[in-house]
């Protein structure tokens, strides 16, 4: 195989692999992935929800800070009685979680405002909430 042919094969294989990952069900719905792959790069930016900016007192810059603000509890701690602070995430209930309304722009301004999240990423977050929003 020539260098050009092998590069084309490699490129086609990579494209097929990436296309397969477009399905939200292929991505893990765990907190580590949700924070590192979706929330931190999309929301914890310099002018939005970084430690320095923390618009609306929402700091999504670290996994621990983001989990605490979204769920109203510290990762590993037992759930507190009542609704989470701000009702951003109601574990097991994406339909009544404020975060889902913000991400979809339903009844509110869409977040993130500049480049909304793709539907597949929103589906991963919804699945994480539906599974009880665990931090592990």
Protein backbone atom coordinates (compact mmCIF):
# COMPACT_ATOMS: atom_id res chain seq x y z
CA UNK A 1 0.00 0.00 0.00
CA UNK A 2 1.35 3.43 -0.84
CA UNK A 3 1.65 6.21 1.70
CA UNK A 4 -1.29 8.07 0.15
CA UNK A 5 -3.51 4.97 0.14
CA UNK A 6 -2.73 4.12 3.73
CA UNK A 7 -3.47 7.71 4.78
CA UNK A 8 -6.81 7.57 2.98
CA UNK A 9 -7.66 4.30 4.72
CA UNK A 10 -6.68 5.76 8.06
CA UNK A 11 -8.74 8.90 7.40
CA UNK A 12 -11.79 6.84 6.37
CA UNK A 13 -11.44 4.66 9.46
CA UNK A 14 -11.18 7.70 11.70
CA UNK A 15 -14.23 9.29 10.09
CA UNK A 16 -16.23 6.09 10.57
CA UNK A 17 -15.17 5.91 14.22
CA UNK A 18 -16.11 9.53 14.88
CA UNK A 19 -19.44 9.11 13.10
CA UNK A 20 -20.24 6.15 15.35
CA UNK A 21 -19.57 8.30 18.42
CA UNK A 22 -22.19 10.84 17.37
CA UNK A 23 -24.82 8.61 18.96
CA UNK A 24 -25.36 9.87 22.51
CA UNK A 25 -25.91 6.32 23.74
CA UNK A 26 -22.27 5.54 22.91
CA UNK A 27 -21.04 8.14 25.40
CA UNK A 28 -20.93 7.49 29.13
CA UNK A 29 -23.55 9.22 31.23
CA UNK A 30 -21.30 9.51 34.26
CA UNK A 31 -20.32 12.67 36.10
CA UNK A 32 -16.65 12.50 35.09
CA UNK A 33 -17.58 12.56 31.41
CA UNK A 34 -20.42 15.07 31.79
CA UNK A 35 -18.16 17.56 33.55
CA UNK A 36 -14.87 17.07 31.67
CA UNK A 37 -16.21 16.61 28.15
CA UNK A 38 -19.33 18.78 28.15
CA UNK A 39 -19.73 21.30 30.98
CA UNK A 40 -16.16 22.44 31.57
CA UNK A 41 -15.23 23.20 27.95
CA UNK A 42 -18.66 24.63 27.07
CA UNK A 43 -19.69 26.45 30.24
CA UNK A 44 -16.67 27.12 32.49
CA UNK A 45 -15.23 29.70 30.12
CA UNK A 46 -13.55 32.97 31.07
CA UNK A 47 -16.72 35.03 30.82
CA UNK A 48 -19.35 32.55 31.96
CA UNK A 49 -19.06 30.03 34.77
CA UNK A 50 -15.34 29.91 35.52
CA UNK A 51 -14.05 30.38 39.06
CA UNK A 52 -13.19 34.01 38.24
CA UNK A 53 -16.45 34.91 36.47
CA UNK A 54 -19.04 32.59 38.06
CA UNK A 55 -22.03 34.28 36.43
CA UNK A 56 -25.10 34.00 38.68
CA UNK A 57 -22.79 32.50 41.37
CA UNK A 58 -22.50 29.31 39.32
CA UNK A 59 -18.91 27.98 39.28
CA UNK A 60 -18.53 25.02 36.93
CA UNK A 61 -14.72 25.18 36.73
CA UNK A 62 -13.97 22.11 38.83
CA UNK A 63 -15.78 18.81 39.10
CA UNK A 64 -16.42 19.28 42.83
CA UNK A 65 -17.67 22.88 42.51
CA UNK A 66 -19.88 22.06 39.54
CA UNK A 67 -21.41 19.01 41.21
CA UNK A 68 -22.14 20.95 44.40
CA UNK A 69 -23.80 23.87 42.62
CA UNK A 70 -25.84 21.70 40.25
CA UNK A 71 -27.03 19.09 42.74
CA UNK A 72 -26.90 21.04 45.99
CA UNK A 73 -24.66 18.48 47.67
CA UNK A 74 -21.04 17.46 47.95
CA UNK A 75 -19.96 14.49 45.86
CA UNK A 76 -20.08 11.39 48.05
CA UNK A 77 -22.34 12.98 50.67
CA UNK A 78 -25.84 11.62 51.18
CA UNK A 79 -28.64 13.50 49.45
CA UNK A 80 -30.10 16.34 51.46
CA UNK A 81 -33.84 16.44 52.09
CA UNK A 82 -35.81 18.77 49.87
CA UNK A 83 -34.97 20.35 46.55
CA UNK A 84 -31.38 21.06 45.47
CA UNK A 85 -30.22 24.67 45.69
CA UNK A 86 -31.41 26.45 42.58
CA UNK A 87 -33.11 23.23 41.40
CA UNK A 88 -30.53 22.89 38.62
CA UNK A 89 -30.55 19.10 38.82
CA UNK A 90 -33.26 17.03 40.41
CA UNK A 91 -31.72 13.52 40.42
CA UNK A 92 -33.89 11.05 38.57
CA UNK A 93 -36.10 13.80 37.14
CA UNK A 94 -34.69 15.57 34.09
CA UNK A 95 -38.15 16.85 33.21
CA UNK A 96 -38.14 19.03 36.33
CA UNK A 97 -34.42 19.87 36.36
CA UNK A 98 -33.70 23.53 35.63
CA UNK A 99 -30.44 22.58 33.89
CA UNK A 100 -32.37 20.83 31.12
CA UNK A 101 -34.53 23.91 30.51
CA UNK A 102 -31.41 26.08 30.33
CA UNK A 103 -29.60 23.76 27.92
CA UNK A 104 -32.62 23.51 25.63
CA UNK A 105 -33.64 27.15 25.89
CA UNK A 106 -37.13 26.19 27.03
CA UNK A 107 -38.92 28.97 28.93
CA UNK A 108 -35.57 30.74 29.39
CA UNK A 109 -32.41 31.92 27.69
CA UNK A 110 -30.44 29.05 26.16
CA UNK A 111 -27.16 28.08 27.80
CA UNK A 112 -24.47 28.32 26.70
CA UNK A 113 -25.63 31.41 24.81
CA UNK A 114 -22.90 31.69 22.16
CA UNK A 115 -22.77 28.09 20.95
CA UNK A 116 -25.61 25.92 22.25
CA UNK A 117 -24.76 22.31 23.06
CA UNK A 118 -25.49 19.70 20.40
CA UNK A 119 -28.56 17.56 21.05
CA UNK A 120 -26.35 14.50 21.63
CA UNK A 121 -24.53 16.18 24.52
CA UNK A 122 -27.81 17.34 26.04
CA UNK A 123 -29.06 13.74 25.77
CA UNK A 124 -26.01 12.50 27.72
CA UNK A 125 -26.68 15.04 30.50
CA UNK A 126 -30.36 14.07 30.54
CA UNK A 127 -29.41 10.39 30.87
CA UNK A 128 -27.02 11.23 33.74
CA UNK A 129 -29.84 13.03 35.57
CA UNK A 130 -32.30 10.20 34.83
CA UNK A 131 -29.84 7.72 36.34
CA UNK A 132 -29.88 9.71 39.59
CA UNK A 133 -27.05 12.21 38.88
CA UNK A 134 -24.38 10.13 40.63
CA UNK A 135 -20.97 11.71 41.13
CA UNK A 136 -18.94 8.52 40.73
